[in-house]
Amino acid sequence: MEDLSIFRIFLAFPFIGLSIPDAGRTLSNLKDHIPLNHIIIEATLLICILVCTAGIMYAKHKLNNLAEDNDALIA
């Protein structure tokens, strides 16, 4: 689970690095369009971050249920 959270952090760096200039380009009045490869890369990174987050949440939920079951057996 720790490896998954570290991987999620390293996925966030390029996502933020690409989205800040694209957001600035969108918010300014320039007629430039966001390149298609930026959109594809940002969407892929966002999906990977969401999958990692779901995996972390599932693992935490599973560990909490396991701990509750073991506490019920001990008590």
PDB file of N, CA and C in Angstrom:
ATOM      1  N   MET A   1       0.829  -1.179   0.000  1.00  0.00           N
ATOM      2  CA  MET A   1       0.000   0.000   0.000  1.00  0.00           C
ATOM      3  C   MET A   1       0.878   1.249   0.000  1.00  0.00           C
ATOM      4  N   GLU A   2       1.992   1.190   0.684  1.00  0.00           N
ATOM      5  CA  GLU A   2       2.896   2.342   0.721  1.00  0.00           C
ATOM      6  C   GLU A   2       3.487   2.604  -0.659  1.00  0.00           C
ATOM      7  N   ASP A   3       3.817   1.538  -1.382  1.00  0.00           N
ATOM      8  CA  ASP A   3       4.345   1.701  -2.739  1.00  0.00           C
ATOM      9  C   ASP A   3       3.311   2.343  -3.654  1.00  0.00           C
ATOM     10  N   LEU A   4       2.066   1.990  -3.462  1.00  0.00           N
ATOM     11  CA  LEU A   4       1.003   2.554  -4.287  1.00  0.00           C
ATOM     12  C   LEU A   4       0.820   4.043  -4.010  1.00  0.00           C
ATOM     13  N   SER A   5       0.929   4.444  -2.756  1.00  0.00           N
ATOM     14  CA  SER A   5       0.787   5.867  -2.436  1.00  0.00           C
ATOM     15  C   SER A   5       1.979   6.677  -2.950  1.00  0.00           C
ATOM     16  N   ILE A   6       3.182   6.096  -2.911  1.00  0.00           N
ATOM     17  CA  ILE A   6       4.352   6.775  -3.467  1.00  0.00           C
ATOM     18  C   ILE A   6       4.208   6.900  -4.983  1.00  0.00           C
ATOM     19  N   PHE A   7       3.718   5.858  -5.639  1.00  0.00           N
ATOM     20  CA  PHE A   7       3.498   5.906  -7.079  1.00  0.00           C
ATOM     21  C   PHE A   7       2.471   6.972  -7.427  1.00  0.00           C
ATOM     22  N   ARG A   8       1.441   7.121  -6.603  1.00  0.00           N
ATOM     23  CA  ARG A   8       0.415   8.140  -6.837  1.00  0.00           C
ATOM     24  C   ARG A   8       1.010   9.538  -6.735  1.00  0.00           C
ATOM     25  N   ILE A   9       1.916   9.741  -5.783  1.00  0.00           N
ATOM     26  CA  ILE A   9       2.570  11.047  -5.656  1.00  0.00           C
ATOM     27  C   ILE A   9       3.396  11.347  -6.892  1.00  0.00           C
ATOM     28  N   PHE A  10       4.132  10.367  -7.386  1.00  0.00           N
ATOM     29  CA  PHE A  10       4.955  10.595  -8.564  1.00  0.00           C
ATOM     30  C   PHE A  10       4.124  10.753  -9.831  1.00  0.00           C
ATOM     31  N   LEU A  11       2.908  10.249  -9.858  1.00  0.00           N
ATOM     32  CA  LEU A  11       2.012  10.517 -10.975  1.00  0.00           C
ATOM     33  C   LEU A  11       1.452  11.933 -10.913  1.00  0.00           C
ATOM     34  N   ALA A  12       1.330  12.474  -9.717  1.00  0.00           N
ATOM     35  CA  ALA A  12       0.765  13.812  -9.560  1.00  0.00           C
ATOM     36  C   ALA A  12       1.719  14.894 -10.053  1.00  0.00           C
ATOM     37  N   PHE A  13       3.025  14.675  -9.967  1.00  0.00           N
ATOM     38  CA  PHE A  13       3.986  15.700 -10.388  1.00  0.00           C
ATOM     39  C   PHE A  13       3.833  16.072 -11.862  1.00  0.00           C
ATOM     40  N   PRO A  14       3.872  15.114 -12.802  1.00  0.00           N
ATOM     41  CA  PRO A  14       3.692  15.532 -14.199  1.00  0.00           C
ATOM     42  C   PRO A  14       2.287  16.033 -14.496  1.00  0.00           C
ATOM     43  N   PHE A  15       1.293  15.522 -13.767  1.00  0.00           N
ATOM     44  CA  PHE A  15      -0.074  16.005 -13.972  1.00  0.00           C
ATOM     45  C   PHE A  15      -0.174  17.487 -13.625  1.00  0.00           C
ATOM     46  N   ILE A  16       0.392  17.866 -12.498  1.00  0.00           N
ATOM     47  CA  ILE A  16       0.373  19.272 -12.094  1.00  0.00           C
ATOM     48  C   ILE A  16       1.227  20.103 -13.041  1.00  0.00           C
ATOM     49  N   GLY A  17       2.384  19.553 -13.434  1.00  0.00           N
ATOM     50  CA  GLY A  17       3.266  20.276 -14.337  1.00  0.00           C
ATOM     51  C   GLY A  17       2.648  20.541 -15.701  1.00  0.00           C
ATOM     52  N   LEU A  18       1.795  19.673 -16.166  1.00  0.00           N
ATOM     53  CA  LEU A  18       1.117  19.906 -17.447  1.00  0.00           C
ATOM     54  C   LEU A  18      -0.146  20.743 -17.296  1.00  0.00           C
ATOM     55  N   SER A  19      -0.840  20.580 -16.200  1.00  0.00           N
ATOM     56  CA  SER A  19      -2.133  21.253 -16.070  1.00  0.00           C
ATOM     57  C   SER A  19      -2.010  22.730 -15.721  1.00  0.00           C
ATOM     58  N   ILE A  20      -0.946  23.151 -15.048  1.00  0.00           N
ATOM     59  CA  ILE A  20      -0.805  24.566 -14.699  1.00  0.00           C
ATOM     60  C   ILE A  20      -0.652  25.439 -15.950  1.00  0.00           C
ATOM     61  N   PRO A  21       0.279  25.128 -16.872  1.00  0.00           N
ATOM     62  CA  PRO A  21       0.346  25.968 -18.077  1.00  0.00           C
ATOM     63  C   PRO A  21      -0.910  25.890 -18.946  1.00  0.00           C
ATOM     64  N   ASP A  22      -1.526  24.713 -18.988  1.00  0.00           N
ATOM     65  CA  ASP A  22      -2.752  24.586 -19.779  1.00  0.00           C
ATOM     66  C   ASP A  22      -3.890  25.387 -19.163  1.00  0.00           C
ATOM     67  N   ALA A  23      -3.956  25.419 -17.847  1.00  0.00           N
ATOM     68  CA  ALA A  23      -4.983  26.225 -17.182  1.00  0.00           C
ATOM     69  C   ALA A  23      -4.726  27.708 -17.421  1.00  0.00           C
ATOM     70  N   GLY A  24      -3.467  28.111 -17.372  1.00  0.00           N
ATOM     71  CA  GLY A  24      -3.135  29.506 -17.663  1.00  0.00           C
ATOM     72  C   GLY A  24      -3.474  29.891 -19.088  1.00  0.00           C
ATOM     73  N   ARG A  25      -3.228  28.969 -20.012  1.00  0.00           N
ATOM     74  CA  ARG A  25      -3.562  29.215 -21.416  1.00  0.00           C
ATOM     75  C   ARG A  25      -5.076  29.315 -21.598  1.00  0.00           C
ATOM     76  N   THR A  26      -5.808  28.501 -20.867  1.00  0.00           N
ATOM     77  CA  THR A  26      -7.268  28.522 -20.971  1.00  0.00           C
ATOM     78  C   THR A  26      -7.850  29.789 -20.353  1.00  0.00           C
ATOM     79  N   LEU A  27      -7.307  30.207 -19.208  1.00  0.00           N
ATOM     80  CA  LEU A  27      -7.843  31.378 -18.521  1.00  0.00           C
ATOM     81  C   LEU A  27      -7.441  32.691 -19.186  1.00  0.00           C
ATOM     82  N   SER A  28      -6.361  32.695 -19.938  1.00  0.00           N
ATOM     83  CA  SER A  28      -5.971  33.915 -20.649  1.00  0.00           C
ATOM     84  C   SER A  28      -6.818  34.055 -21.913  1.00  0.00           C
ATOM     85  N   ASN A  29      -6.715  35.183 -22.500  1.00  0.00           N
ATOM     86  CA  ASN A  29      -7.527  35.440 -23.684  1.00  0.00           C
ATOM     87  C   ASN A  29      -6.799  35.091 -24.980  1.00  0.00           C
ATOM     88  N   LEU A  30      -5.794  34.233 -24.882  1.00  0.00           N
ATOM     89  CA  LEU A  30      -5.076  33.819 -26.077  1.00  0.00           C
ATOM     90  C   LEU A  30      -5.939  32.886 -26.910  1.00  0.00           C
ATOM     91  N   LYS A  31      -5.699  32.905 -28.183  1.00  0.00           N
ATOM     92  CA  LYS A  31      -6.464  32.048 -29.086  1.00  0.00           C
ATOM     93  C   LYS A  31      -5.834  30.667 -29.242  1.00  0.00           C
ATOM     94  N   ASP A  32      -4.772  30.400 -28.488  1.00  0.00           N
ATOM     95  CA  ASP A  32      -4.124  29.095 -28.567  1.00  0.00           C
ATOM     96  C   ASP A  32      -5.037  28.013 -27.990  1.00  0.00           C
ATOM     97  N   HIS A  33      -4.977  26.872 -28.591  1.00  0.00           N
ATOM     98  CA  HIS A  33      -5.722  25.718 -28.088  1.00  0.00           C
ATOM     99  C   HIS A  33      -4.756  24.797 -27.354  1.00  0.00           C
ATOM    100  N   ILE A  34      -5.286  24.049 -26.412  1.00  0.00           N
ATOM    101  CA  ILE A  34      -4.469  23.077 -25.690  1.00  0.00           C
ATOM    102  C   ILE A  34      -4.171  21.925 -26.642  1.00  0.00           C
ATOM    103  N   PRO A  35      -2.897  21.531 -26.763  1.00  0.00           N
ATOM    104  CA  PRO A  35      -2.569  20.429 -27.675  1.00  0.00           C
ATOM    105  C   PRO A  35      -3.269  19.132 -27.260  1.00  0.00           C
ATOM    106  N   LEU A  36      -3.620  18.346 -28.253  1.00  0.00           N
ATOM    107  CA  LEU A  36      -4.344  17.098 -28.005  1.00  0.00           C
ATOM    108  C   LEU A  36      -3.517  16.127 -27.175  1.00  0.00           C
ATOM    109  N   ASN A  37      -2.198  16.095 -27.400  1.00  0.00           N
ATOM    110  CA  ASN A  37      -1.381  15.165 -26.613  1.00  0.00           C
ATOM    111  C   ASN A  37      -1.342  15.564 -25.140  1.00  0.00           C
ATOM    112  N   HIS A  38      -1.464  16.858 -24.819  1.00  0.00           N
ATOM    113  CA  HIS A  38      -1.544  17.269 -23.416  1.00  0.00           C
ATOM    114  C   HIS A  38      -2.829  16.746 -22.784  1.00  0.00           C
ATOM    115  N   ILE A  39      -3.911  16.844 -23.506  1.00  0.00           N
ATOM    116  CA  ILE A  39      -5.202  16.376 -22.986  1.00  0.00           C
ATOM    117  C   ILE A  39      -5.171  14.868 -22.760  1.00  0.00           C
ATOM    118  N   ILE A  40      -4.602  14.132 -23.704  1.00  0.00           N
ATOM    119  CA  ILE A  40      -4.524  12.678 -23.573  1.00  0.00           C
ATOM    120  C   ILE A  40      -3.641  12.285 -22.391  1.00  0.00           C
ATOM    121  N   ILE A  41      -2.487  12.940 -22.260  1.00  0.00           N
ATOM    122  CA  ILE A  41      -1.567  12.629 -21.154  1.00  0.00           C
ATOM    123  C   ILE A  41      -2.196  12.981 -19.818  1.00  0.00           C
ATOM    124  N   GLU A  42      -2.829  14.153 -19.723  1.00  0.00           N
ATOM    125  CA  GLU A  42      -3.456  14.555 -18.463  1.00  0.00           C
ATOM    126  C   GLU A  42      -4.607  13.628 -18.084  1.00  0.00           C
ATOM    127  N   ALA A  43      -5.398  13.210 -19.057  1.00  0.00           N
ATOM    128  CA  ALA A  43      -6.499  12.288 -18.764  1.00  0.00           C
ATOM    129  C   ALA A  43      -5.961  10.941 -18.300  1.00  0.00           C
ATOM    130  N   THR A  44      -4.901  10.464 -18.947  1.00  0.00           N
ATOM    131  CA  THR A  44      -4.310   9.183 -18.547  1.00  0.00           C
ATOM    132  C   THR A  44      -3.732   9.263 -17.140  1.00  0.00           C
ATOM    133  N   LEU A  45      -3.022  10.343 -16.842  1.00  0.00           N
ATOM    134  CA  LEU A  45      -2.462  10.505 -15.499  1.00  0.00           C
ATOM    135  C   LEU A  45      -3.565  10.606 -14.456  1.00  0.00           C
ATOM    136  N   LEU A  46      -4.632  11.334 -14.770  1.00  0.00           N
ATOM    137  CA  LEU A  46      -5.737  11.469 -13.824  1.00  0.00           C
ATOM    138  C   LEU A  46      -6.417  10.130 -13.566  1.00  0.00           C
ATOM    139  N   ILE A  47      -6.605   9.340 -14.606  1.00  0.00           N
ATOM    140  CA  ILE A  47      -7.202   8.007 -14.435  1.00  0.00           C
ATOM    141  C   ILE A  47      -6.299   7.122 -13.583  1.00  0.00           C
ATOM    142  N   CYS A  48      -4.987   7.175 -13.824  1.00  0.00           N
ATOM    143  CA  CYS A  48      -4.047   6.374 -13.024  1.00  0.00           C
ATOM    144  C   CYS A  48      -4.053   6.812 -11.559  1.00  0.00           C
ATOM    145  N   ILE A  49      -4.134   8.111 -11.323  1.00  0.00           N
ATOM    146  CA  ILE A  49      -4.196   8.613  -9.944  1.00  0.00           C
ATOM    147  C   ILE A  49      -5.480   8.132  -9.270  1.00  0.00           C
ATOM    148  N   LEU A  50      -6.591   8.166  -9.988  1.00  0.00           N
ATOM    149  CA  LEU A  50      -7.859   7.701  -9.415  1.00  0.00           C
ATOM    150  C   LEU A  50      -7.840   6.201  -9.131  1.00  0.00           C
ATOM    151  N   VAL A  51      -7.222   5.427 -10.017  1.00  0.00           N
ATOM    152  CA  VAL A  51      -7.119   3.981  -9.787  1.00  0.00           C
ATOM    153  C   VAL A  51      -6.251   3.697  -8.564  1.00  0.00           C
ATOM    154  N   CYS A  52      -5.139   4.414  -8.422  1.00  0.00           N
ATOM    155  CA  CYS A  52      -4.285   4.235  -7.241  1.00  0.00           C
ATOM    156  C   CYS A  52      -5.027   4.620  -5.966  1.00  0.00           C
ATOM    157  N   THR A  53      -5.781   5.703  -6.020  1.00  0.00           N
ATOM    158  CA  THR A  53      -6.550   6.140  -4.854  1.00  0.00           C
ATOM    159  C   THR A  53      -7.600   5.097  -4.477  1.00  0.00           C
ATOM    160  N   ALA A  54      -8.270   4.544  -5.467  1.00  0.00           N
ATOM    161  CA  ALA A  54      -9.265   3.503  -5.191  1.00  0.00           C
ATOM    162  C   ALA A  54      -8.597   2.267  -4.599  1.00  0.00           C
ATOM    163  N   GLY A  55      -7.429   1.906  -5.098  1.00  0.00           N
ATOM    164  CA  GLY A  55      -6.702   0.761  -4.543  1.00  0.00           C
ATOM    165  C   GLY A  55      -6.285   0.988  -3.107  1.00  0.00           C
ATOM    166  N   ILE A  56      -5.840   2.186  -2.799  1.00  0.00           N
ATOM    167  CA  ILE A  56      -5.443   2.509  -1.425  1.00  0.00           C
ATOM    168  C   ILE A  56      -6.660   2.465  -0.507  1.00  0.00           C
ATOM    169  N   MET A  57      -7.776   3.042  -0.958  1.00  0.00           N
ATOM    170  CA  MET A  57      -8.984   3.022  -0.134  1.00  0.00           C
ATOM    171  C   MET A  57      -9.474   1.594   0.101  1.00  0.00           C
ATOM    172  N   TYR A  58      -9.403   0.748  -0.919  1.00  0.00           N
ATOM    173  CA  TYR A  58      -9.824  -0.645  -0.784  1.00  0.00           C
ATOM    174  C   TYR A  58      -8.926  -1.386   0.200  1.00  0.00           C
ATOM    175  N   ALA A  59      -7.619  -1.162   0.096  1.00  0.00           N
ATOM    176  CA  ALA A  59      -6.687  -1.840   1.002  1.00  0.00           C
ATOM    177  C   ALA A  59      -6.898  -1.389   2.450  1.00  0.00           C
ATOM    178  N   LYS A  60      -7.110  -0.102   2.665  1.00  0.00           N
ATOM    179  CA  LYS A  60      -7.372   0.390   4.020  1.00  0.00           C
ATOM    180  C   LYS A  60      -8.670  -0.184   4.570  1.00  0.00           C
ATOM    181  N   HIS A  61      -9.694  -0.227   3.724  1.00  0.00           N
ATOM    182  CA  HIS A  61     -10.975  -0.782   4.159  1.00  0.00           C
ATOM    183  C   HIS A  61     -10.836  -2.257   4.522  1.00  0.00           C
ATOM    184  N   LYS A  62     -10.083  -2.977   3.720  1.00  0.00           N
ATOM    185  CA  LYS A  62      -9.879  -4.403   3.984  1.00  0.00           C
ATOM    186  C   LYS A  62      -9.093  -4.617   5.277  1.00  0.00           C
ATOM    187  N   LEU A  63      -8.054  -3.798   5.499  1.00  0.00           N
ATOM    188  CA  LEU A  63      -7.274  -3.921   6.732  1.00  0.00           C
ATOM    189  C   LEU A  63      -8.100  -3.551   7.955  1.00  0.00           C
ATOM    190  N   ASN A  64      -8.950  -2.539   7.849  1.00  0.00           N
ATOM    191  CA  ASN A  64      -9.807  -2.161   8.976  1.00  0.00           C
ATOM    192  C   ASN A  64     -10.799  -3.265   9.307  1.00  0.00           C
ATOM    193  N   ASN A  65     -11.380  -3.884   8.289  1.00  0.00           N
ATOM    194  CA  ASN A  65     -12.308  -4.995   8.530  1.00  0.00           C
ATOM    195  C   ASN A  65     -11.593  -6.179   9.168  1.00  0.00           C
ATOM    196  N   LEU A  66     -10.380  -6.459   8.719  1.00  0.00           N
ATOM    197  CA  LEU A  66      -9.601  -7.546   9.289  1.00  0.00           C
ATOM    198  C   LEU A  66      -9.253  -7.267  10.747  1.00  0.00           C
ATOM    199  N   ALA A  67      -8.912  -6.018  11.057  1.00  0.00           N
ATOM    200  CA  ALA A  67      -8.595  -5.656  12.427  1.00  0.00           C
ATOM    201  C   ALA A  67      -9.831  -5.740  13.328  1.00  0.00           C
ATOM    202  N   GLU A  68     -10.977  -5.333  12.805  1.00  0.00           N
ATOM    203  CA  GLU A  68     -12.206  -5.432  13.588  1.00  0.00           C
ATOM    204  C   GLU A  68     -12.576  -6.886  13.854  1.00  0.00           C
ATOM    205  N   ASP A  69     -12.369  -7.751  12.865  1.00  0.00           N
ATOM    206  CA  ASP A  69     -12.662  -9.171  13.048  1.00  0.00           C
ATOM    207  C   ASP A  69     -11.727  -9.783  14.094  1.00  0.00           C
ATOM    208  N   ASN A  70     -10.464  -9.402  14.074  1.00  0.00           N
ATOM    209  CA  ASN A  70      -9.514  -9.950  15.042  1.00  0.00           C
ATOM    210  C   ASN A  70      -9.820  -9.420  16.447  1.00  0.00           C
ATOM    211  N   ASP A  71     -10.243  -8.165  16.570  1.00  0.00           N
ATOM    212  CA  ASP A  71     -10.614  -7.648  17.876  1.00  0.00           C
ATOM    213  C   ASP A  71     -11.845  -8.350  18.415  1.00  0.00           C
ATOM    214  N   ALA A  72     -12.768  -8.702  17.543  1.00  0.00           N
ATOM    215  CA  ALA A  72     -13.978  -9.411  17.996  1.00  0.00           C
ATOM    216  C   ALA A  72     -13.639 -10.808  18.465  1.00  0.00           C
ATOM    217  N   LEU A  73     -12.641 -11.444  17.851  1.00  0.00           N
ATOM    218  CA  LEU A  73     -12.230 -12.775  18.260  1.00  0.00           C
ATOM    219  C   LEU A  73     -11.514 -12.746  19.594  1.00  0.00           C
ATOM    220  N   ILE A  74     -10.744 -11.692  19.844  1.00  0.00           N
ATOM    221  CA  ILE A  74      -9.989 -11.588  21.095  1.00  0.00           C
ATOM    222  C   ILE A  74     -10.911 -11.270  22.260  1.00  0.00           C
ATOM    223  N   ALA A  75     -11.868 -10.401  22.066  1.00  0.00           N
ATOM    224  CA  ALA A  75     -12.752  -9.972  23.145  1.00  0.00           C
ATOM    225  C   ALA A  75     -13.749 -11.049  23.415  1.00  0.00           C
TER     226      ALA A  75
END
